C-alpha atoms as a PDB file:
ATOM      1  CA  MET A   1     -35.782 -21.350  -4.641  1.00  0.00           C
ATOM      2  CA  LYS A   2     -34.539 -19.695  -1.332  1.00  0.00           C
ATOM      3  CA  LYS A   3     -31.368 -17.381  -1.554  1.00  0.00           C
ATOM      4  CA  TYR A   4     -30.067 -18.917   1.821  1.00  0.00           C
ATOM      5  CA  GLN A   5     -30.731 -22.104   4.155  1.00  0.00           C
ATOM      6  CA  PHE A   6     -30.875 -21.405   7.801  1.00  0.00           C
ATOM      7  CA  ILE A   7     -28.717 -23.945   9.719  1.00  0.00           C
ATOM      8  CA  ASN A   8     -29.448 -22.904  13.149  1.00  0.00           C
ATOM      9  CA  LYS A   9     -30.612 -19.801  14.699  1.00  0.00           C
ATOM     10  CA  ASN A  10     -27.086 -18.284  14.539  1.00  0.00           C
ATOM     11  CA  LEU A  11     -25.844 -19.522  11.023  1.00  0.00           C
ATOM     12  CA  ILE A  12     -26.859 -19.179   7.553  1.00  0.00           C
ATOM     13  CA  ARG A  13     -25.669 -21.373   4.676  1.00  0.00           C
ATOM     14  CA  VAL A  14     -24.731 -19.588   1.675  1.00  0.00           C
ATOM     15  CA  LYS A  15     -24.359 -21.000  -1.916  1.00  0.00           C
ATOM     16  CA  SER A  16     -21.344 -21.178  -4.040  1.00  0.00           C
ATOM     17  CA  ARG A  17     -21.709 -17.548  -5.510  1.00  0.00           C
ATOM     18  CA  GLY A  18     -21.679 -16.216  -1.995  1.00  0.00           C
ATOM     19  CA  ARG A  19     -18.699 -18.134  -0.951  1.00  0.00           C
ATOM     20  CA  LEU A  20     -16.704 -16.941  -4.209  1.00  0.00           C
ATOM     21  CA  ILE A  21     -17.794 -13.195  -3.170  1.00  0.00           C
ATOM     22  CA  ALA A  22     -16.528 -13.820   0.114  1.00  0.00           C
ATOM     23  CA  PHE A  23     -13.296 -15.195  -0.903  1.00  0.00           C
ATOM     24  CA  ALA A  24     -12.923 -12.130  -3.318  1.00  0.00           C
ATOM     25  CA  ILE A  25     -13.616  -9.853  -0.441  1.00  0.00           C
ATOM     26  CA  PHE A  26     -11.190 -11.796   1.518  1.00  0.00           C
ATOM     27  CA  ALA A  27      -8.279 -11.920  -1.209  1.00  0.00           C
ATOM     28  CA  CYS A  28      -8.790  -7.941  -1.497  1.00  0.00           C
ATOM     29  CA  ILE A  29      -8.414  -7.258   1.905  1.00  0.00           C
ATOM     30  CA  VAL A  30      -5.332  -9.421   2.165  1.00  0.00           C
ATOM     31  CA  GLY A  31      -4.000  -7.896  -0.996  1.00  0.00           C
ATOM     32  CA  PHE A  32      -4.277  -4.342   0.519  1.00  0.00           C
ATOM     33  CA  TRP A  33      -2.551  -5.384   3.812  1.00  0.00           C
ATOM     34  CA  LEU A  34       0.199  -7.305   1.748  1.00  0.00           C
ATOM     35  CA  ILE A  35       0.841  -3.980  -0.011  1.00  0.00           C
ATOM     36  CA  ALA A  36       0.931  -2.517   3.379  1.00  0.00           C
ATOM     37  CA  PHE A  37       3.471  -5.158   4.822  1.00  0.00           C
ATOM     38  CA  LEU A  38       5.492  -4.833   2.003  1.00  0.00           C
ATOM     39  CA  GLY A  39       5.826  -1.007   2.649  1.00  0.00           C
ATOM     40  CA  SER A  40       6.502  -1.289   6.260  1.00  0.00           C
ATOM     41  CA  LYS A  41       9.306  -3.399   5.503  1.00  0.00           C
ATOM     42  CA  GLY A  42      10.837  -1.324   2.983  1.00  0.00           C
ATOM     43  CA  ILE A  43      10.266  -3.477   0.042  1.00  0.00           C
ATOM     44  CA  LEU A  44       7.867  -1.274  -1.513  1.00  0.00           C
ATOM     45  CA  ASP A  45       8.014   2.378  -1.666  1.00  0.00           C
ATOM     46  CA  LEU A  46       4.537   3.244  -0.997  1.00  0.00           C
ATOM     47  CA  ALA A  47       5.686   7.101  -1.531  1.00  0.00           C
ATOM     48  CA  ILE A  48       6.251   6.822  -5.048  1.00  0.00           C
ATOM     49  CA  LEU A  49       2.445   5.348  -5.351  1.00  0.00           C
ATOM     50  CA  LEU A  50       0.918   8.061  -2.872  1.00  0.00           C
ATOM     51  CA  ASN A  51       2.920  11.024  -3.045  1.00  0.00           C
ATOM     52  CA  PRO A  52       2.784  14.094  -3.818  1.00  0.00           C
ATOM     53  CA  CYS A  53      -0.410  15.119  -1.909  1.00  0.00           C
ATOM     54  CA  GLY A  54      -1.953  17.689  -4.051  1.00  0.00           C
ATOM     55  CA  MET A  55      -4.250  19.166  -1.202  1.00  0.00           C
ATOM     56  CA  LYS A  56      -1.071  19.589   1.095  1.00  0.00           C
ATOM     57  CA  GLN A  57       0.858  21.076  -1.838  1.00  0.00           C
ATOM     58  CA  ARG A  58      -1.711  23.415  -2.879  1.00  0.00           C
ATOM     59  CA  TYR A  59      -3.226  24.349   0.469  1.00  0.00           C
ATOM     60  CA  GLY A  60      -0.813  23.582   3.028  1.00  0.00           C
ATOM     61  CA  LEU A  61      -3.156  21.687   4.541  1.00  0.00           C
ATOM     62  CA  PRO A  62      -3.592  17.765   5.096  1.00  0.00           C
ATOM     63  CA  CYS A  63      -6.148  16.134   2.946  1.00  0.00           C
ATOM     64  CA  PRO A  64      -9.099  13.953   4.672  1.00  0.00           C
ATOM     65  CA  THR A  65      -7.274  10.772   4.225  1.00  0.00           C
ATOM     66  CA  CYS A  66      -3.835  12.039   5.345  1.00  0.00           C
ATOM     67  CA  GLY A  67      -2.043   9.622   7.564  1.00  0.00           C
ATOM     68  CA  PHE A  68      -4.069   6.372   6.556  1.00  0.00           C
ATOM     69  CA  THR A  69      -0.741   4.911   4.927  1.00  0.00           C
ATOM     70  CA  THR A  70       1.025   5.686   8.062  1.00  0.00           C
ATOM     71  CA  VAL A  71      -1.657   3.933  10.331  1.00  0.00           C
ATOM     72  CA  ALA A  72      -1.539   0.810   8.021  1.00  0.00           C
ATOM     73  CA  ILE A  73       2.016   0.503   8.493  1.00  0.00           C
ATOM     74  CA  VAL A  74       1.847   1.229  12.214  1.00  0.00           C
ATOM     75  CA  PHE A  75      -1.053  -1.326  12.449  1.00  0.00           C
ATOM     76  CA  ILE A  76       1.363  -3.977  10.605  1.00  0.00           C
ATOM     77  CA  GLN A  77       4.018  -3.102  13.220  1.00  0.00           C
ATOM     78  CA  GLY A  78       1.683  -3.912  16.134  1.00  0.00           C
ATOM     79  CA  ARG A  79       1.287  -0.555  17.580  1.00  0.00           C
ATOM     80  CA  ILE A  80      -2.533  -0.412  17.534  1.00  0.00           C
ATOM     81  CA  LEU A  81      -3.095   2.404  19.897  1.00  0.00           C
ATOM     82  CA  GLN A  82      -0.450   4.700  18.089  1.00  0.00           C
ATOM     83  CA  ALA A  83      -2.486   4.019  14.977  1.00  0.00           C
ATOM     84  CA  PHE A  84      -5.797   5.227  16.577  1.00  0.00           C
ATOM     85  CA  TYR A  85      -3.554   8.425  18.014  1.00  0.00           C
ATOM     86  CA  ILE A  86      -2.154   9.116  14.631  1.00  0.00           C
ATOM     87  CA  GLN A  87      -5.472   8.922  12.295  1.00  0.00           C
ATOM     88  CA  PRO A  88      -8.542   7.971  14.329  1.00  0.00           C
ATOM     89  CA  ALA A  89     -10.439   7.313  10.960  1.00  0.00           C
ATOM     90  CA  GLY A  90      -8.075   5.330   9.573  1.00  0.00           C
ATOM     91  CA  ALA A  91      -7.530   3.097  12.528  1.00  0.00           C
ATOM     92  CA  ILE A  92     -11.302   2.563  12.693  1.00  0.00           C
ATOM     93  CA  LEU A  93     -11.586   1.951   9.044  1.00  0.00           C
ATOM     94  CA  TYR A  94      -8.510  -0.519   9.059  1.00  0.00           C
ATOM     95  CA  THR A  95      -9.763  -2.427  12.255  1.00  0.00           C
ATOM     96  CA  VAL A  96     -13.367  -3.001  10.432  1.00  0.00           C
ATOM     97  CA  SER A  97     -11.249  -4.171   7.355  1.00  0.00           C
ATOM     98  CA  ILE A  98      -9.531  -6.856   9.551  1.00  0.00           C
ATOM     99  CA  ILE A  99     -12.871  -8.014  11.038  1.00  0.00           C
ATOM    100  CA  SER A 100     -14.355  -8.010   7.516  1.00  0.00           C
ATOM    101  CA  GLY A 101     -11.504  -9.995   6.159  1.00  0.00           C
ATOM    102  CA  PHE A 102     -11.922 -12.713   9.073  1.00  0.00           C
ATOM    103  CA  LEU A 103     -15.632 -12.952   8.354  1.00  0.00           C
ATOM    104  CA  ALA A 104     -15.216 -13.112   4.784  1.00  0.00           C
ATOM    105  CA  LEU A 105     -12.633 -16.065   5.105  1.00  0.00           C
ATOM    106  CA  PHE A 106     -15.001 -17.930   7.375  1.00  0.00           C
ATOM    107  CA  THR A 107     -17.855 -17.434   5.050  1.00  0.00           C
ATOM    108  CA  ALA A 108     -15.332 -18.705   2.021  1.00  0.00           C
ATOM    109  CA  VAL A 109     -13.988 -21.683   3.831  1.00  0.00           C
ATOM    110  CA  PHE A 110     -17.237 -23.198   5.863  1.00  0.00           C
ATOM    111  CA  GLY A 111     -19.972 -21.688   3.513  1.00  0.00           C
ATOM    112  CA  VAL A 112     -22.046 -19.974   6.367  1.00  0.00           C
ATOM    113  CA  TYR A 113     -22.279 -16.674   7.651  1.00  0.00           C
ATOM    114  CA  PHE A 114     -23.751 -15.029  10.989  1.00  0.00           C
ATOM    115  CA  ARG A 115     -27.496 -14.265  11.094  1.00  0.00           C
ATOM    116  CA  PHE A 116     -26.642 -11.151  12.888  1.00  0.00           C
ATOM    117  CA  LEU A 117     -24.929  -9.729   9.740  1.00  0.00           C
ATOM    118  CA  ASP A 118     -27.997 -10.390   7.677  1.00  0.00           C
ATOM    119  CA  ARG A 119     -30.367  -8.894  10.080  1.00  0.00           C
ATOM    120  CA  PHE A 120     -27.999  -5.963  10.364  1.00  0.00           C
ATOM    121  CA  PHE A 121     -27.682  -5.227   6.492  1.00  0.00           C
ATOM    122  CA  ARG A 122     -31.567  -5.624   6.186  1.00  0.00           C
ATOM    123  CA  GLN A 123     -32.065  -3.080   8.974  1.00  0.00           C
ATOM    124  CA  VAL A 124     -29.190  -0.767   8.061  1.00  0.00           C
ATOM    125  CA  HIS A 125     -29.400   0.319   4.366  1.00  0.00           C
ATOM    126  CA  VAL A 126     -26.211   0.815   2.413  1.00  0.00           C
ATOM    127  CA  LYS A 127     -26.631   4.684   2.271  1.00  0.00           C
ATOM    128  CA  TYR A 128     -26.265   4.638   6.127  1.00  0.00           C
ATOM    129  CA  ILE A 129     -23.321   2.535   5.984  1.00  0.00           C
ATOM    130  CA  ILE A 130     -21.747   5.281   3.591  1.00  0.00           C
ATOM    131  CA  LEU A 131     -22.831   8.056   5.777  1.00  0.00           C
ATOM    132  CA  ALA A 132     -21.324   6.646   8.743  1.00  0.00           C
ATOM    133  CA  LEU A 133     -17.927   6.139   6.821  1.00  0.00           C
ATOM    134  CA  VAL A 134     -17.986   9.709   5.312  1.00  0.00           C
ATOM    135  CA  VAL A 135     -18.549  11.309   9.046  1.00  0.00           C
ATOM    136  CA  ILE A 136     -15.809   8.698  10.176  1.00  0.00           C
ATOM    137  CA  VAL A 137     -13.269  10.228   7.791  1.00  0.00           C
ATOM    138  CA  VAL A 138     -14.474  13.650   8.395  1.00  0.00           C
ATOM    139  CA  ALA A 139     -14.281  13.404  12.102  1.00  0.00           C
ATOM    140  CA  GLY A 140     -10.607  11.868  11.533  1.00  0.00           C
ATOM    141  CA  TRP A 141      -9.663  14.869   9.224  1.00  0.00           C
ATOM    142  CA  ALA A 142     -10.992  17.111  11.837  1.00  0.00           C
ATOM    143  CA  VAL A 143      -8.721  15.620  14.337  1.00  0.00           C
ATOM    144  CA  THR A 144      -5.318  15.763  11.759  1.00  0.00           C
ATOM    145  CA  LEU A 145      -6.738  19.196  10.450  1.00  0.00           C
ATOM    146  CA  SER A 146      -6.598  20.709  14.028  1.00  0.00           C
ATOM    147  CA  ARG A 147      -3.422  18.977  15.108  1.00  0.00           C
ATOM    148  CA  ALA A 148      -1.813  20.656  11.917  1.00  0.00           C
ATOM    149  CA  LEU A 149      -3.242  24.023  12.631  1.00  0.00           C
ATOM    150  CA  ALA A 150      -2.131  23.890  16.047  1.00  0.00           C
ATOM    151  CA  ALA A 151       1.257  22.833  15.325  1.00  0.00           C
ATOM    152  CA  GLY A 152       1.292  25.917  12.605  1.00  0.00           C
ATOM    153  CA  ARG A 153       2.099  23.655   9.631  1.00  0.00           C
END
């Protein structure tokens, strides 16, 4: 039995298990953004959950994910360019999360996903995706660290 069925040259039909996985991914992404939204409105105090930063307390330097929460709140407020300025890695990852959430919702609702995604995940191994994420975070940290050192913090 085939894992999936081609509908046309661009779409692949997924089985019910794939739709459930897509819905779970969508629900996790929406849950994250709901927490960020509640934090941006002051309903939920994110500082209680995420402070204090141990690296900043111990070494006086920002950690690799320093600014991710701020970027999420700025994203919610619609200031996308400012989010890229604050923490480029966070802004890139949050942009990818929004795109992933849309694609997961599309798959969960319609039971199909795009064939280019299948080709992408076959050709690019997961280890390379993880490596790319690490490089993005390290590059964003370098920007944040250079700003902190330039400011004399």
